[in-house]
């Protein structure tokens, strides 16, 4: 059977807790990409998981640029709002009406993308897993690891 995208929501965005839960459930963390809101904490760089930490605009706008806005000074645009992550490019992300679209080009159907975006915005982590030949067994393992709303695409 061909590999398929498996997506689920972890109830928090703690990198150590996510990797520990996956390892305990016998899920290979090196096959997972975790999208979460930037924590502001330096995580252990030795994780097998790949994290994509997104920075929401209101978290990076210090309002100090309001003093120079419109004066032609570099940076008066308020930042790029580009998600930061290992091996990620801006073209992998898109914008949806009403907020950022972290999963628009991921393979998740357009009518379900908003649910996963909302999970990230609410401080949960969304995991994309693509390294499984037995999707049903992987779904069961991810649910055992504590992921919710696990879907196969």
N, C-alpha and C. Protein backbone atom coordinates (compact mmCIF):
# COMPACT_ATOMS: atom_id res chain seq x y z
N UNK A 1 0.84 -1.18 0.00
CA UNK A 1 0.00 0.00 0.00
C UNK A 1 0.89 1.24 0.00
N UNK A 2 0.51 2.25 -0.73
CA UNK A 2 1.27 3.49 -0.83
C UNK A 2 1.17 4.29 0.47
N UNK A 3 2.20 5.06 0.71
CA UNK A 3 2.19 5.91 1.90
C UNK A 3 1.18 7.03 1.72
N UNK A 4 0.50 7.36 2.82
CA UNK A 4 -0.49 8.42 2.79
C UNK A 4 -0.21 9.39 3.92
N UNK A 5 -0.74 10.58 3.79
CA UNK A 5 -0.57 11.60 4.81
C UNK A 5 -1.53 11.31 5.96
N UNK A 6 -0.99 11.29 7.17
CA UNK A 6 -1.80 11.11 8.37
C UNK A 6 -1.61 12.35 9.22
N UNK A 7 -2.72 12.95 9.64
CA UNK A 7 -2.67 14.21 10.38
C UNK A 7 -3.44 14.06 11.67
N UNK A 8 -2.89 14.62 12.76
CA UNK A 8 -3.58 14.60 14.05
C UNK A 8 -3.20 15.80 14.88
N UNK A 9 -3.98 16.04 15.93
CA UNK A 9 -3.77 17.20 16.80
C UNK A 9 -3.32 16.72 18.17
N UNK A 10 -2.19 17.23 18.63
CA UNK A 10 -1.71 16.94 19.98
C UNK A 10 -2.24 18.03 20.90
N UNK A 11 -2.67 17.70 22.12
CA UNK A 11 -3.36 18.68 22.97
C UNK A 11 -2.51 19.85 23.46
N UNK A 12 -1.19 19.79 23.32
CA UNK A 12 -0.35 20.93 23.67
C UNK A 12 0.78 21.04 22.65
N UNK A 13 1.70 21.98 22.87
CA UNK A 13 2.78 22.15 21.89
C UNK A 13 4.17 21.93 22.48
N UNK A 14 4.25 21.17 23.56
CA UNK A 14 5.52 20.86 24.23
C UNK A 14 6.27 19.80 23.44
N UNK A 15 7.41 20.18 22.88
CA UNK A 15 8.19 19.28 22.04
C UNK A 15 8.61 18.00 22.73
N UNK A 16 9.06 18.09 23.98
CA UNK A 16 9.49 16.90 24.71
C UNK A 16 8.32 15.96 24.95
N UNK A 17 7.16 16.50 25.29
CA UNK A 17 5.98 15.67 25.55
C UNK A 17 5.51 14.98 24.26
N UNK A 18 5.56 15.70 23.15
CA UNK A 18 5.12 15.12 21.88
C UNK A 18 6.05 13.98 21.47
N UNK A 19 7.36 14.21 21.53
CA UNK A 19 8.29 13.17 21.12
C UNK A 19 8.22 11.97 22.05
N UNK A 20 8.07 12.21 23.35
CA UNK A 20 7.96 11.11 24.31
C UNK A 20 6.71 10.28 24.05
N UNK A 21 5.58 10.94 23.78
CA UNK A 21 4.33 10.23 23.51
C UNK A 21 4.45 9.38 22.25
N UNK A 22 5.07 9.92 21.21
CA UNK A 22 5.22 9.17 19.96
C UNK A 22 6.14 7.96 20.16
N UNK A 23 7.25 8.17 20.86
CA UNK A 23 8.19 7.09 21.11
C UNK A 23 7.54 5.99 21.94
N UNK A 24 6.77 6.37 22.96
CA UNK A 24 6.07 5.39 23.80
C UNK A 24 5.07 4.57 23.00
N UNK A 25 4.46 5.18 22.01
CA UNK A 25 3.46 4.50 21.18
C UNK A 25 4.11 3.78 19.99
N UNK A 26 5.44 3.73 19.96
CA UNK A 26 6.18 3.04 18.90
C UNK A 26 5.97 3.67 17.52
N UNK A 27 5.88 4.99 17.50
CA UNK A 27 5.76 5.74 16.25
C UNK A 27 7.11 6.39 15.98
N UNK A 28 7.60 6.26 14.75
CA UNK A 28 8.89 6.82 14.37
C UNK A 28 8.80 8.34 14.28
N UNK A 29 9.37 9.08 15.25
CA UNK A 29 9.25 10.54 15.23
C UNK A 29 9.99 11.20 14.06
N UNK A 30 10.94 10.49 13.45
CA UNK A 30 11.68 11.10 12.34
C UNK A 30 10.80 11.25 11.10
N UNK A 31 9.64 10.59 11.07
CA UNK A 31 8.73 10.69 9.94
C UNK A 31 7.66 11.77 10.14
N UNK A 32 7.74 12.47 11.26
CA UNK A 32 6.70 13.44 11.62
C UNK A 32 7.19 14.87 11.49
N UNK A 33 6.28 15.73 11.07
CA UNK A 33 6.50 17.18 11.08
C UNK A 33 5.42 17.76 11.99
N UNK A 34 5.84 18.55 12.95
CA UNK A 34 4.91 19.13 13.92
C UNK A 34 4.83 20.63 13.70
N UNK A 35 3.64 21.12 13.45
CA UNK A 35 3.40 22.54 13.27
C UNK A 35 2.77 23.05 14.56
N UNK A 36 3.39 24.09 15.13
CA UNK A 36 2.90 24.63 16.40
C UNK A 36 3.18 26.12 16.47
N UNK A 37 2.51 26.77 17.38
CA UNK A 37 2.76 28.18 17.64
C UNK A 37 4.14 28.28 18.29
N UNK A 38 4.92 29.28 17.91
CA UNK A 38 6.25 29.46 18.48
C UNK A 38 6.14 29.55 19.99
N UNK A 39 6.99 28.79 20.69
CA UNK A 39 6.93 28.74 22.14
C UNK A 39 7.79 29.80 22.81
N UNK A 40 8.77 30.32 22.11
CA UNK A 40 9.68 31.29 22.70
C UNK A 40 10.74 30.63 23.57
N UNK A 41 10.74 29.30 23.61
CA UNK A 41 11.70 28.55 24.41
C UNK A 41 12.60 27.78 23.45
N UNK A 42 13.89 27.77 23.73
CA UNK A 42 14.80 27.00 22.90
C UNK A 42 14.60 25.52 23.19
N UNK A 43 14.06 24.80 22.22
CA UNK A 43 13.87 23.38 22.38
C UNK A 43 15.17 22.64 22.15
N UNK A 44 15.24 21.42 22.64
CA UNK A 44 16.40 20.57 22.47
C UNK A 44 16.60 20.32 20.97
N UNK A 45 17.74 20.71 20.41
CA UNK A 45 17.96 20.52 18.98
C UNK A 45 18.17 19.05 18.59
N UNK A 46 18.20 18.17 19.57
CA UNK A 46 18.42 16.75 19.29
C UNK A 46 17.12 15.98 19.06
N UNK A 47 16.01 16.67 18.98
CA UNK A 47 14.75 15.99 18.70
C UNK A 47 14.82 15.31 17.34
N UNK A 48 14.17 14.17 17.24
CA UNK A 48 14.03 13.52 15.94
C UNK A 48 12.89 14.17 15.16
N UNK A 49 11.97 14.78 15.87
CA UNK A 49 10.85 15.46 15.23
C UNK A 49 11.32 16.69 14.49
N UNK A 50 10.63 17.01 13.43
CA UNK A 50 10.87 18.27 12.74
C UNK A 50 9.76 19.22 13.15
N UNK A 51 10.13 20.36 13.71
CA UNK A 51 9.15 21.35 14.14
C UNK A 51 9.09 22.50 13.16
N UNK A 52 7.89 22.99 12.92
CA UNK A 52 7.66 24.21 12.18
C UNK A 52 6.95 25.13 13.16
N UNK A 53 7.69 26.10 13.69
CA UNK A 53 7.14 27.03 14.66
C UNK A 53 6.62 28.26 13.93
N UNK A 54 5.33 28.50 14.03
CA UNK A 54 4.73 29.66 13.38
C UNK A 54 4.64 30.81 14.37
N UNK A 55 4.88 31.99 13.88
CA UNK A 55 4.82 33.19 14.70
C UNK A 55 3.62 33.99 14.24
N UNK A 56 2.70 34.21 15.13
CA UNK A 56 1.52 34.99 14.78
C UNK A 56 1.87 36.46 14.79
N UNK A 57 1.28 37.22 13.90
CA UNK A 57 1.62 38.62 13.72
C UNK A 57 1.53 39.41 15.02
N UNK A 58 0.47 39.21 15.80
CA UNK A 58 0.33 40.00 17.03
C UNK A 58 1.38 39.66 18.08
N UNK A 59 2.06 38.52 17.93
CA UNK A 59 3.11 38.16 18.86
C UNK A 59 4.42 38.86 18.55
N UNK A 60 4.61 39.30 17.31
CA UNK A 60 5.87 39.91 16.93
C UNK A 60 5.76 41.41 16.72
N UNK A 61 4.56 41.95 16.73
CA UNK A 61 4.39 43.38 16.52
C UNK A 61 4.54 44.09 17.86
N UNK A 62 5.62 44.80 18.04
CA UNK A 62 5.89 45.46 19.31
C UNK A 62 5.23 46.83 19.38
N UNK A 63 4.57 47.24 18.32
CA UNK A 63 3.95 48.54 18.20
C UNK A 63 4.96 49.69 18.21
N UNK A 64 6.25 49.39 18.38
CA UNK A 64 7.25 50.45 18.33
C UNK A 64 7.42 50.97 16.91
N UNK A 65 7.07 50.15 15.92
CA UNK A 65 7.20 50.60 14.54
C UNK A 65 6.13 51.63 14.19
N UNK A 66 5.12 51.82 15.06
CA UNK A 66 4.10 52.83 14.79
C UNK A 66 4.71 54.23 14.75
N UNK A 67 5.82 54.43 15.44
CA UNK A 67 6.47 55.74 15.46
C UNK A 67 7.09 56.07 14.11
N UNK A 68 7.48 55.04 13.36
CA UNK A 68 8.16 55.28 12.08
C UNK A 68 7.30 54.90 10.89
N UNK A 69 6.09 54.41 11.12
CA UNK A 69 5.23 53.96 10.03
C UNK A 69 4.98 55.09 9.02
N UNK A 70 5.16 54.77 7.76
CA UNK A 70 4.91 55.73 6.70
C UNK A 70 6.02 56.74 6.50
N UNK A 71 7.14 56.58 7.17
CA UNK A 71 8.23 57.54 7.04
C UNK A 71 9.31 57.03 6.10
N UNK A 72 9.05 55.89 5.44
CA UNK A 72 10.02 55.38 4.47
C UNK A 72 11.19 54.69 5.12
N UNK A 73 11.08 54.37 6.38
CA UNK A 73 12.18 53.70 7.07
C UNK A 73 12.01 52.20 6.91
N UNK A 74 13.12 51.55 6.62
CA UNK A 74 13.09 50.11 6.43
C UNK A 74 12.46 49.44 7.65
N UNK A 75 11.53 48.57 7.44
CA UNK A 75 10.90 47.88 8.56
C UNK A 75 9.59 48.50 8.99
N UNK A 76 9.14 49.56 8.32
CA UNK A 76 7.87 50.14 8.76
C UNK A 76 6.69 49.32 8.28
N UNK A 77 6.97 48.18 7.65
CA UNK A 77 5.90 47.29 7.21
C UNK A 77 5.43 46.34 8.30
N UNK A 78 6.16 46.22 9.40
CA UNK A 78 5.72 45.40 10.52
C UNK A 78 6.12 43.94 10.47
N UNK A 79 6.99 43.53 9.58
CA UNK A 79 7.45 42.15 9.55
C UNK A 79 6.83 41.35 8.42
N UNK A 80 7.34 40.15 8.22
CA UNK A 80 6.88 39.33 7.12
C UNK A 80 5.82 38.32 7.53
N UNK A 81 5.79 37.91 8.80
CA UNK A 81 4.83 36.91 9.26
C UNK A 81 5.07 35.53 8.66
N UNK A 82 6.30 35.25 8.22
CA UNK A 82 6.64 33.97 7.60
C UNK A 82 6.87 32.93 8.70
N UNK A 83 6.23 31.75 8.60
CA UNK A 83 6.48 30.70 9.59
C UNK A 83 7.93 30.26 9.54
N UNK A 84 8.49 29.93 10.68
CA UNK A 84 9.88 29.53 10.75
C UNK A 84 9.95 28.03 11.04
N UNK A 85 10.81 27.33 10.33
CA UNK A 85 10.97 25.91 10.58
C UNK A 85 12.10 25.34 9.77
N UNK A 86 12.59 24.23 10.21
CA UNK A 86 13.67 23.55 9.53
C UNK A 86 13.18 23.03 8.19
N UNK A 87 13.90 23.30 7.14
CA UNK A 87 13.60 22.81 5.79
C UNK A 87 12.26 23.29 5.25
N UNK A 88 11.78 24.42 5.70
CA UNK A 88 10.50 24.94 5.21
C UNK A 88 10.77 26.17 4.35
N UNK A 89 9.91 26.36 3.37
CA UNK A 89 10.02 27.54 2.54
C UNK A 89 8.70 28.28 2.57
N UNK A 90 8.71 29.58 2.37
CA UNK A 90 7.47 30.35 2.40
C UNK A 90 6.42 29.85 1.40
N UNK A 91 6.85 29.24 0.30
CA UNK A 91 5.89 28.78 -0.69
C UNK A 91 5.04 27.61 -0.19
N UNK A 92 5.46 26.99 0.92
CA UNK A 92 4.70 25.87 1.47
C UNK A 92 3.52 26.34 2.31
N UNK A 93 3.42 27.63 2.51
CA UNK A 93 2.35 28.18 3.32
C UNK A 93 1.55 29.17 2.48
N UNK A 94 0.29 29.32 2.79
CA UNK A 94 -0.57 30.25 2.07
C UNK A 94 -1.42 31.00 3.07
N UNK A 95 -2.13 32.00 2.61
CA UNK A 95 -2.99 32.76 3.50
C UNK A 95 -4.44 32.48 3.15
N UNK A 96 -5.25 32.27 4.18
CA UNK A 96 -6.68 32.06 3.96
C UNK A 96 -7.41 33.28 4.49
N UNK A 97 -8.63 33.46 4.07
CA UNK A 97 -9.44 34.57 4.55
C UNK A 97 -9.62 34.41 6.05
N UNK A 98 -9.35 35.45 6.79
CA UNK A 98 -9.55 35.42 8.23
C UNK A 98 -8.34 34.98 9.02
N UNK A 99 -7.24 34.65 8.39
CA UNK A 99 -6.06 34.26 9.15
C UNK A 99 -5.09 33.46 8.32
N UNK A 100 -4.00 33.05 8.94
CA UNK A 100 -2.96 32.32 8.21
C UNK A 100 -3.43 30.92 7.84
N UNK A 101 -2.92 30.42 6.73
CA UNK A 101 -3.24 29.07 6.28
C UNK A 101 -2.01 28.21 6.34
N UNK A 102 -1.71 27.65 7.49
CA UNK A 102 -0.48 26.88 7.66
C UNK A 102 -0.46 25.59 6.84
N UNK A 103 -1.62 25.05 6.48
CA UNK A 103 -1.70 23.74 5.85
C UNK A 103 -2.31 23.77 4.46
N UNK A 104 -2.38 24.92 3.83
CA UNK A 104 -3.06 25.07 2.55
C UNK A 104 -2.48 24.17 1.46
N UNK A 105 -1.21 23.92 1.44
CA UNK A 105 -0.59 23.12 0.39
C UNK A 105 -0.05 21.79 0.90
N UNK A 106 -0.61 21.28 1.99
CA UNK A 106 -0.08 20.10 2.64
C UNK A 106 -0.68 18.78 2.16
N UNK A 107 -1.81 18.84 1.46
CA UNK A 107 -2.51 17.63 1.09
C UNK A 107 -3.79 17.44 1.88
N UNK A 108 -4.02 18.30 2.87
CA UNK A 108 -5.27 18.27 3.63
C UNK A 108 -6.33 18.96 2.78
N UNK A 109 -7.52 18.38 2.67
CA UNK A 109 -8.57 19.02 1.86
C UNK A 109 -8.87 20.44 2.36
N UNK A 110 -9.16 21.32 1.40
CA UNK A 110 -9.40 22.74 1.71
C UNK A 110 -10.48 22.95 2.76
N UNK A 111 -11.51 22.11 2.76
CA UNK A 111 -12.59 22.31 3.71
C UNK A 111 -12.24 21.88 5.13
N UNK A 112 -11.07 21.25 5.33
CA UNK A 112 -10.63 20.83 6.66
C UNK A 112 -9.42 21.61 7.17
N UNK A 113 -8.78 22.37 6.31
CA UNK A 113 -7.58 23.11 6.68
C UNK A 113 -7.84 24.05 7.86
N UNK A 114 -8.97 24.72 7.86
CA UNK A 114 -9.29 25.68 8.91
C UNK A 114 -9.29 25.07 10.30
N UNK A 115 -9.74 23.82 10.42
CA UNK A 115 -9.75 23.16 11.73
C UNK A 115 -8.34 22.99 12.28
N UNK A 116 -7.40 22.62 11.42
CA UNK A 116 -6.03 22.43 11.85
C UNK A 116 -5.35 23.77 12.11
N UNK A 117 -5.66 24.78 11.30
CA UNK A 117 -5.13 26.13 11.56
C UNK A 117 -5.58 26.62 12.94
N UNK A 118 -6.87 26.40 13.26
CA UNK A 118 -7.41 26.84 14.54
C UNK A 118 -6.71 26.13 15.70
N UNK A 119 -6.39 24.86 15.54
CA UNK A 119 -5.69 24.12 16.59
C UNK A 119 -4.35 24.76 16.90
N UNK A 120 -3.59 25.14 15.86
CA UNK A 120 -2.30 25.80 16.06
C UNK A 120 -2.50 27.16 16.74
N UNK A 121 -3.48 27.91 16.26
CA UNK A 121 -3.75 29.23 16.84
C UNK A 121 -4.12 29.13 18.31
N UNK A 122 -4.76 28.01 18.70
CA UNK A 122 -5.18 27.81 20.09
C UNK A 122 -4.09 27.23 20.97
N UNK A 123 -2.88 27.01 20.42
CA UNK A 123 -1.76 26.54 21.23
C UNK A 123 -1.55 25.04 21.22
N UNK A 124 -2.26 24.33 20.36
CA UNK A 124 -2.03 22.90 20.21
C UNK A 124 -1.07 22.68 19.05
N UNK A 125 -0.60 21.46 18.91
CA UNK A 125 0.32 21.14 17.83
C UNK A 125 -0.36 20.20 16.85
N UNK A 126 -0.10 20.39 15.58
CA UNK A 126 -0.64 19.53 14.54
C UNK A 126 0.52 18.74 13.94
N UNK A 127 0.36 17.42 13.91
CA UNK A 127 1.41 16.57 13.40
C UNK A 127 1.02 16.00 12.04
N UNK A 128 1.93 16.11 11.09
CA UNK A 128 1.77 15.51 9.77
C UNK A 128 2.74 14.35 9.70
N UNK A 129 2.24 13.17 9.40
CA UNK A 129 3.05 11.96 9.39
C UNK A 129 2.91 11.28 8.03
N UNK A 130 4.03 10.99 7.39
CA UNK A 130 3.95 10.42 6.04
C UNK A 130 4.78 9.17 5.86
N UNK A 131 5.29 8.60 6.92
CA UNK A 131 6.20 7.46 6.76
C UNK A 131 5.61 6.13 7.10
N UNK A 132 4.35 5.87 6.76
CA UNK A 132 3.72 4.63 7.15
C UNK A 132 3.17 3.87 5.95
N UNK A 133 3.52 2.59 5.86
CA UNK A 133 2.93 1.73 4.84
C UNK A 133 1.61 1.14 5.35
N UNK A 134 1.44 1.05 6.67
CA UNK A 134 0.21 0.54 7.27
C UNK A 134 -0.48 1.70 7.99
N UNK A 135 -1.29 2.43 7.24
CA UNK A 135 -1.92 3.64 7.77
C UNK A 135 -2.83 3.35 8.95
N UNK A 136 -3.58 2.26 8.92
CA UNK A 136 -4.50 1.96 10.02
C UNK A 136 -3.75 1.71 11.32
N UNK A 137 -2.64 0.98 11.26
CA UNK A 137 -1.84 0.73 12.47
C UNK A 137 -1.23 2.03 12.99
N UNK A 138 -0.80 2.90 12.08
CA UNK A 138 -0.22 4.18 12.48
C UNK A 138 -1.28 5.06 13.13
N UNK A 139 -2.48 5.08 12.58
CA UNK A 139 -3.57 5.86 13.17
C UNK A 139 -3.83 5.38 14.59
N UNK A 140 -3.88 4.07 14.80
CA UNK A 140 -4.12 3.52 16.13
C UNK A 140 -3.00 3.92 17.09
N UNK A 141 -1.75 3.88 16.61
CA UNK A 141 -0.61 4.25 17.45
C UNK A 141 -0.64 5.75 17.79
N UNK A 142 -1.01 6.58 16.81
CA UNK A 142 -1.08 8.02 17.07
C UNK A 142 -2.18 8.34 18.07
N UNK A 143 -3.29 7.66 17.96
CA UNK A 143 -4.36 7.86 18.95
C UNK A 143 -3.90 7.41 20.33
N UNK A 144 -3.16 6.32 20.39
CA UNK A 144 -2.61 5.84 21.67
C UNK A 144 -1.61 6.84 22.25
N UNK A 145 -0.95 7.59 21.38
CA UNK A 145 0.01 8.61 21.82
C UNK A 145 -0.67 9.89 22.29
N UNK A 146 -2.00 9.96 22.15
CA UNK A 146 -2.73 11.11 22.64
C UNK A 146 -3.16 12.10 21.58
N UNK A 147 -2.92 11.79 20.31
CA UNK A 147 -3.37 12.69 19.25
C UNK A 147 -4.87 12.55 19.05
N UNK A 148 -5.50 13.66 18.73
CA UNK A 148 -6.94 13.69 18.52
C UNK A 148 -7.23 14.05 17.07
N UNK A 149 -8.43 13.76 16.64
CA UNK A 149 -8.87 14.08 15.28
C UNK A 149 -7.88 13.57 14.24
N UNK A 150 -7.43 12.34 14.41
CA UNK A 150 -6.47 11.76 13.48
C UNK A 150 -7.19 11.40 12.19
N UNK A 151 -6.64 11.87 11.08
CA UNK A 151 -7.24 11.68 9.76
C UNK A 151 -6.19 11.14 8.78
N UNK A 152 -6.66 10.36 7.81
CA UNK A 152 -5.80 9.84 6.74
C UNK A 152 -6.22 10.55 5.45
N UNK A 153 -5.23 11.07 4.72
CA UNK A 153 -5.51 11.73 3.43
C UNK A 153 -4.67 11.09 2.34
